[in-house]
Amino acid sequence: MRTSLRLPLVAALAVAALALSACSGADAGSSGADASAGGDDLGLMTPGTLVVGMNLQYKPEMYLDESGKPTGYDVDLLNAMADELGVKLDIQNLDFNGLIPGLQASQFDVVSVGLGATDERKKVIDFSRGYVPYATVLAASPDSNLGTAVDSYNKAGVTITALQGSTGEQLVRDTFPNATVATFPDQNAALLEVATGRADATVVEDYILAEFDRSNPDQVVPLDTDEPLALYYGSYGVQKGNTELTEAIDAFLCSAQQDGTLEELYTKWMAPSMPAMPEGC
């Protein structure tokens, strides 16, 4: 997934973060019995508290449950990380396009939304190692007259949707240069555009498409191809220059990868099996 690099006014971001916050402090799912004493050497904005920016609309990876509490794969993993680092967890729910600008403006210590570590993003924020695998697919209406060949969508007059500012959007531009790209700030809006016939196809992570299909069965289906359009690994975004926190997160992720925690949480929330994760631990 995920996000544009425009930098709104800091004041506007602060108001948005407060207005959209799902929870803060203890209400966010605090972790660590002695959290107030932890994290002093991690370069956190508030020692003892890890402030994380998220966009809680990507069920089952990260979303709000029926009681309004953050839940999902990312949330479980962040709670485990906070326990390991000895800090409290403060989750701030913000519009997707405000996450990287918010990180730049020191609204958060970390962004957790499965960011792709692109060269452009690396100019303004730092990244952890990957913590979640994403298979990106091309999906269309089941009665599409364009067929199932990916190349048949790369032509003038074809409209392909994607989440605004996402790696999926860039993938559309790179893979389908002859098609028209239509971007939306909400992932479901991009999918509904295809379901209602206003667009020909969409580029989306497979788990998001599967979740959409549960509520809208057989309206948007992945093309039957041998391989996904792309397989990449989502990472945490960290404030530029905070090497202490980045290294601590990487150490936690390596431990979680080696002891099976990542796979346990992935198969609990995301899919029956987990693709191979990056080596190098």
Protein backbone atom coordinates (compact mmCIF):
# COMPACT_ATOMS: atom_id res chain seq x y z
CA MET A 1 0.00 0.00 0.00
CA ARG A 2 0.35 3.29 0.08
CA THR A 3 0.66 7.02 0.35
CA SER A 4 1.30 10.37 -1.24
CA LEU A 5 4.20 12.64 -0.35
CA ARG A 6 2.48 16.03 -0.28
CA LEU A 7 3.01 17.93 2.98
CA PRO A 8 -0.08 19.73 4.30
CA LEU A 9 0.12 22.37 7.01
CA VAL A 10 1.30 20.96 10.31
CA ALA A 11 -1.58 22.62 12.11
CA ALA A 12 -4.12 21.01 9.83
CA LEU A 13 -2.57 17.62 10.39
CA ALA A 14 -2.64 18.07 14.12
CA VAL A 15 -6.35 18.87 14.05
CA ALA A 16 -7.04 15.94 11.72
CA ALA A 17 -5.11 13.53 13.89
CA LEU A 18 -7.06 14.59 16.94
CA ALA A 19 -10.38 14.46 15.15
CA LEU A 20 -9.80 11.08 13.53
CA SER A 21 -7.92 9.39 16.33
CA ALA A 22 -9.40 5.99 17.02
CA CYS A 23 -7.90 5.99 20.46
CA SER A 24 -4.93 7.29 22.35
CA GLY A 25 -2.86 6.47 25.38
CA ALA A 26 -4.29 3.60 27.40
CA ASP A 27 -7.38 3.41 25.18
CA ALA A 28 -5.27 2.42 22.15
CA GLY A 29 -4.34 -0.91 23.60
CA SER A 30 -1.46 -0.10 25.95
CA SER A 31 1.37 -2.57 26.27
CA GLY A 32 4.16 -3.15 28.75
CA ALA A 33 3.77 -3.20 32.51
CA ASP A 34 6.67 -0.77 32.98
CA ALA A 35 6.08 1.09 29.75
CA SER A 36 6.50 4.53 31.28
CA ALA A 37 10.16 3.71 31.92
CA GLY A 38 10.78 2.14 28.53
CA GLY A 39 11.92 3.48 25.20
CA ASP A 40 14.23 6.17 26.58
CA ASP A 41 16.92 5.26 24.04
CA LEU A 42 14.61 4.88 21.03
CA GLY A 43 14.27 8.52 20.05
CA LEU A 44 10.53 8.53 20.73
CA MET A 45 8.67 11.83 20.74
CA THR A 46 7.38 10.95 24.22
CA PRO A 47 9.67 8.57 26.11
CA GLY A 48 7.77 5.43 27.05
CA THR A 49 5.10 5.83 24.36
CA LEU A 50 5.20 4.61 20.78
CA VAL A 51 2.82 6.77 18.72
CA VAL A 52 1.73 4.97 15.56
CA GLY A 53 -0.16 6.47 12.63
CA MET A 54 -2.54 4.06 10.88
CA ASN A 55 -5.47 4.07 8.48
CA LEU A 56 -7.86 1.60 10.07
CA GLN A 57 -9.93 0.62 7.04
CA TYR A 58 -8.07 -2.43 5.70
CA LYS A 59 -9.81 -5.43 7.22
CA PRO A 60 -8.40 -7.90 8.22
CA GLU A 61 -4.96 -6.26 8.36
CA MET A 62 -5.98 -3.18 10.34
CA TYR A 63 -9.49 -1.97 11.12
CA LEU A 64 -11.93 -0.96 13.86
CA ASP A 65 -14.02 -3.73 15.36
CA GLU A 66 -17.70 -3.35 16.29
CA SER A 67 -16.80 -1.59 19.52
CA GLY A 68 -14.49 0.87 17.72
CA LYS A 69 -11.30 -0.77 18.95
CA PRO A 70 -8.29 -1.14 16.62
CA THR A 71 -7.75 -4.77 15.65
CA GLY A 72 -6.20 -6.99 12.99
CA TYR A 73 -2.77 -8.28 11.98
CA ASP A 74 -0.92 -4.97 12.31
CA VAL A 75 -2.50 -4.20 15.67
CA ASP A 76 -1.60 -7.59 17.16
CA LEU A 77 1.96 -7.25 15.88
CA LEU A 78 2.30 -3.71 17.23
CA ASN A 79 1.11 -4.82 20.66
CA ALA A 80 3.73 -7.59 20.64
CA MET A 81 6.36 -5.04 19.58
CA ALA A 82 5.35 -2.58 22.30
CA ASP A 83 5.64 -5.36 24.89
CA GLU A 84 9.10 -6.25 23.61
CA LEU A 85 10.28 -2.61 23.61
CA GLY A 86 8.70 -1.89 27.00
CA VAL A 87 6.54 1.01 25.81
CA LYS A 88 2.90 2.01 25.68
CA LEU A 89 1.15 1.88 22.31
CA ASP A 90 -0.79 4.94 21.13
CA ILE A 91 -2.60 4.36 17.81
CA GLN A 92 -3.74 7.39 15.83
CA ASN A 93 -6.25 6.76 13.02
CA LEU A 94 -5.73 9.16 10.11
CA ASP A 95 -6.70 9.41 6.46
CA PHE A 96 -4.24 7.44 4.35
CA ASN A 97 -2.90 10.45 2.45
CA GLY A 98 -1.98 12.18 5.72
CA LEU A 99 0.24 9.42 7.09
CA ILE A 100 3.63 10.16 5.51
CA PRO A 101 3.17 13.95 5.84
CA GLY A 102 2.16 13.35 9.46
CA LEU A 103 5.32 11.32 10.06
CA GLN A 104 7.39 14.11 8.50
CA ALA A 105 5.62 16.63 10.74
CA SER A 106 6.41 14.56 13.87
CA GLN A 107 2.80 13.58 14.51
CA PHE A 108 3.87 9.93 14.90
CA ASP A 109 6.97 7.89 15.67
CA VAL A 110 5.95 5.19 13.20
CA VAL A 111 3.47 4.65 10.38
CA SER A 112 1.98 1.14 10.22
CA VAL A 113 0.06 0.64 6.99
CA GLY A 114 2.23 -1.79 5.04
CA LEU A 115 4.18 0.87 3.15
CA GLY A 116 6.26 -0.13 0.16
CA ALA A 117 9.81 1.16 0.64
CA THR A 118 10.07 3.06 -2.65
CA ASP A 119 13.05 5.24 -3.56
CA GLU A 120 10.83 8.32 -3.53
CA ARG A 121 9.58 7.62 -0.02
CA LYS A 122 13.10 6.87 1.23
CA LYS A 123 13.98 10.50 0.53
CA VAL A 124 11.67 11.70 3.30
CA ILE A 125 11.27 8.81 5.79
CA ASP A 126 13.15 5.71 6.90
CA PHE A 127 11.89 2.13 6.68
CA SER A 128 12.06 -1.03 8.73
CA ARG A 129 12.54 -4.43 7.15
CA GLY A 130 9.40 -5.98 5.71
CA TYR A 131 6.76 -7.29 8.09
CA VAL A 132 3.87 -8.26 5.78
CA PRO A 133 3.85 -9.76 2.26
CA TYR A 134 1.50 -8.39 -0.41
CA ALA A 135 0.48 -10.04 -3.65
CA THR A 136 -0.93 -7.37 -5.97
CA VAL A 137 -3.44 -8.49 -8.59
CA LEU A 138 -5.41 -7.10 -11.52
CA ALA A 139 -9.14 -7.61 -10.97
CA ALA A 140 -12.17 -6.94 -13.18
CA SER A 141 -15.86 -7.65 -13.48
CA PRO A 142 -16.49 -11.38 -14.10
CA ASP A 143 -18.32 -10.49 -17.32
CA SER A 144 -15.61 -8.18 -18.63
CA ASN A 145 -15.31 -8.31 -22.41
CA LEU A 146 -11.55 -7.67 -22.16
CA GLY A 147 -10.79 -11.25 -21.21
CA THR A 148 -8.19 -12.52 -18.75
CA ALA A 149 -4.94 -11.53 -20.49
CA VAL A 150 -3.15 -8.74 -18.65
CA ASP A 151 -1.97 -7.19 -21.93
CA SER A 152 -5.55 -6.71 -23.11
CA TYR A 153 -6.00 -4.02 -20.41
CA ASN A 154 -3.02 -1.98 -21.61
CA LYS A 155 -4.74 0.09 -24.25
CA ALA A 156 -6.47 3.40 -24.80
CA GLY A 157 -10.06 3.57 -23.59
CA VAL A 158 -9.46 1.20 -20.65
CA THR A 159 -9.80 2.68 -17.15
CA ILE A 160 -7.99 1.04 -14.23
CA THR A 161 -8.52 2.19 -10.65
CA ALA A 162 -6.13 2.23 -7.70
CA LEU A 163 -5.77 3.68 -4.22
CA GLN A 164 -4.52 7.24 -4.52
CA GLY A 165 -0.79 7.60 -3.86
CA SER A 166 -0.28 3.86 -3.41
CA THR A 167 2.28 1.48 -4.85
CA GLY A 168 -0.69 0.02 -6.71
CA GLU A 169 -1.19 3.35 -8.48
CA GLN A 170 2.44 3.39 -9.58
CA LEU A 171 2.15 -0.23 -10.69
CA VAL A 172 -0.78 0.70 -12.93
CA ARG A 173 1.19 3.55 -14.49
CA ASP A 174 4.22 1.30 -15.09
CA THR A 175 2.36 -1.81 -16.30
CA PHE A 176 -0.52 -0.20 -18.21
CA PRO A 177 0.92 3.02 -19.67
CA ASN A 178 -1.71 3.14 -22.43
CA ALA A 179 -4.68 2.88 -20.06
CA THR A 180 -6.27 5.65 -18.00
CA VAL A 181 -5.58 5.59 -14.26
CA ALA A 182 -8.40 6.64 -11.92
CA THR A 183 -7.31 7.05 -8.30
CA PHE A 184 -9.43 7.20 -5.14
CA PRO A 185 -8.59 8.10 -1.52
CA ASP A 186 -10.58 5.06 -0.32
CA GLN A 187 -9.82 1.51 -1.43
CA ASN A 188 -13.47 0.42 -1.46
CA ALA A 189 -14.32 3.33 -3.73
CA ALA A 190 -11.75 2.08 -6.25
CA LEU A 191 -13.29 -1.40 -6.11
CA LEU A 192 -16.88 -0.16 -6.36
CA GLU A 193 -15.97 1.79 -9.48
CA VAL A 194 -15.28 -1.56 -11.17
CA ALA A 195 -18.24 -3.35 -9.58
CA THR A 196 -20.63 -0.70 -10.92
CA GLY A 197 -19.14 -0.71 -14.42
CA ARG A 198 -17.64 2.78 -14.31
CA ALA A 199 -14.12 1.36 -14.68
CA ASP A 200 -12.71 -1.72 -16.40
CA ALA A 201 -10.34 -3.05 -13.76
CA THR A 202 -8.49 -2.31 -10.55
CA VAL A 203 -5.05 -3.06 -9.12
CA VAL A 204 -5.30 -4.14 -5.49
CA GLU A 205 -3.71 -6.40 -2.88
CA ASP A 206 -5.28 -9.86 -2.92
CA TYR A 207 -6.32 -9.84 0.75
CA ILE A 208 -8.22 -6.55 0.32
CA LEU A 209 -10.01 -7.95 -2.73
CA ALA A 210 -10.92 -11.09 -0.76
CA GLU A 211 -12.40 -8.97 2.03
CA PHE A 212 -14.40 -6.90 -0.49
CA ASP A 213 -15.70 -10.12 -2.03
CA ARG A 214 -17.18 -11.24 1.29
CA SER A 215 -19.59 -8.28 1.18
CA ASN A 216 -19.88 -8.06 -2.60
CA PRO A 217 -19.56 -11.64 -3.85
CA ASP A 218 -18.41 -12.19 -7.44
CA GLN A 219 -18.64 -8.52 -8.44
CA VAL A 220 -14.88 -7.99 -8.85
CA VAL A 221 -12.65 -11.02 -9.43
CA PRO A 222 -8.91 -11.44 -9.96
CA LEU A 223 -7.71 -12.33 -13.44
CA ASP A 224 -6.71 -15.97 -13.73
CA THR A 225 -2.96 -15.49 -14.20
CA ASP A 226 0.00 -17.66 -13.27
CA GLU A 227 1.56 -14.99 -11.09
CA PRO A 228 0.42 -11.78 -9.36
CA LEU A 229 1.35 -8.46 -10.90
CA ALA A 230 3.78 -7.94 -8.05
CA LEU A 231 4.86 -9.40 -4.73
CA TYR A 232 6.37 -6.98 -2.26
CA TYR A 233 6.76 -6.56 1.47
CA GLY A 234 5.14 -3.83 3.49
CA SER A 235 7.37 -2.05 6.00
CA TYR A 236 6.98 0.35 8.89
CA GLY A 237 7.72 4.00 8.13
CA VAL A 238 9.93 5.70 10.73
CA GLN A 239 10.87 9.34 11.19
CA LYS A 240 13.89 10.20 9.05
CA GLY A 241 17.14 9.74 10.95
CA ASN A 242 15.76 7.77 13.90
CA THR A 243 18.16 4.85 13.49
CA GLU A 244 17.71 3.73 17.10
CA LEU A 245 14.01 3.02 16.64
CA THR A 246 14.48 1.52 13.18
CA GLU A 247 17.14 -0.88 14.47
CA ALA A 248 14.99 -1.85 17.46
CA ILE A 249 12.02 -2.58 15.18
CA ASP A 250 14.22 -4.62 12.83
CA ALA A 251 15.55 -6.66 15.74
CA PHE A 252 12.01 -7.36 16.91
CA LEU A 253 10.86 -8.35 13.42
CA CYS A 254 13.78 -10.71 12.95
CA SER A 255 13.00 -12.36 16.26
CA ALA A 256 9.29 -12.59 15.38
CA GLN A 257 10.14 -14.05 11.98
CA GLN A 258 12.48 -16.66 13.44
CA ASP A 259 10.29 -17.75 16.35
CA GLY A 260 7.15 -18.06 14.21
CA THR A 261 5.24 -15.06 15.59
CA LEU A 262 4.88 -13.42 12.17
CA GLU A 263 3.55 -16.58 10.58
CA GLU A 264 1.19 -17.26 13.50
CA LEU A 265 -0.36 -13.79 13.25
CA TYR A 266 -0.44 -13.82 9.45
CA THR A 267 -2.30 -17.13 9.30
CA LYS A 268 -4.63 -15.94 12.07
CA TRP A 269 -5.66 -12.80 10.21
CA MET A 270 -4.59 -12.71 6.59
CA ALA A 271 -4.48 -16.06 4.78
CA PRO A 272 -4.11 -19.80 5.41
CA SER A 273 -0.39 -19.72 4.55
CA MET A 274 2.33 -17.05 4.58
CA PRO A 275 4.63 -16.38 1.62
CA ALA A 276 8.36 -16.56 2.23
CA MET A 277 9.64 -13.50 4.07
CA PRO A 278 12.88 -11.60 3.29
CA GLU A 279 16.11 -13.18 4.42
CA GLY A 280 18.89 -11.33 6.20
CA CYS A 281 18.11 -11.74 9.90
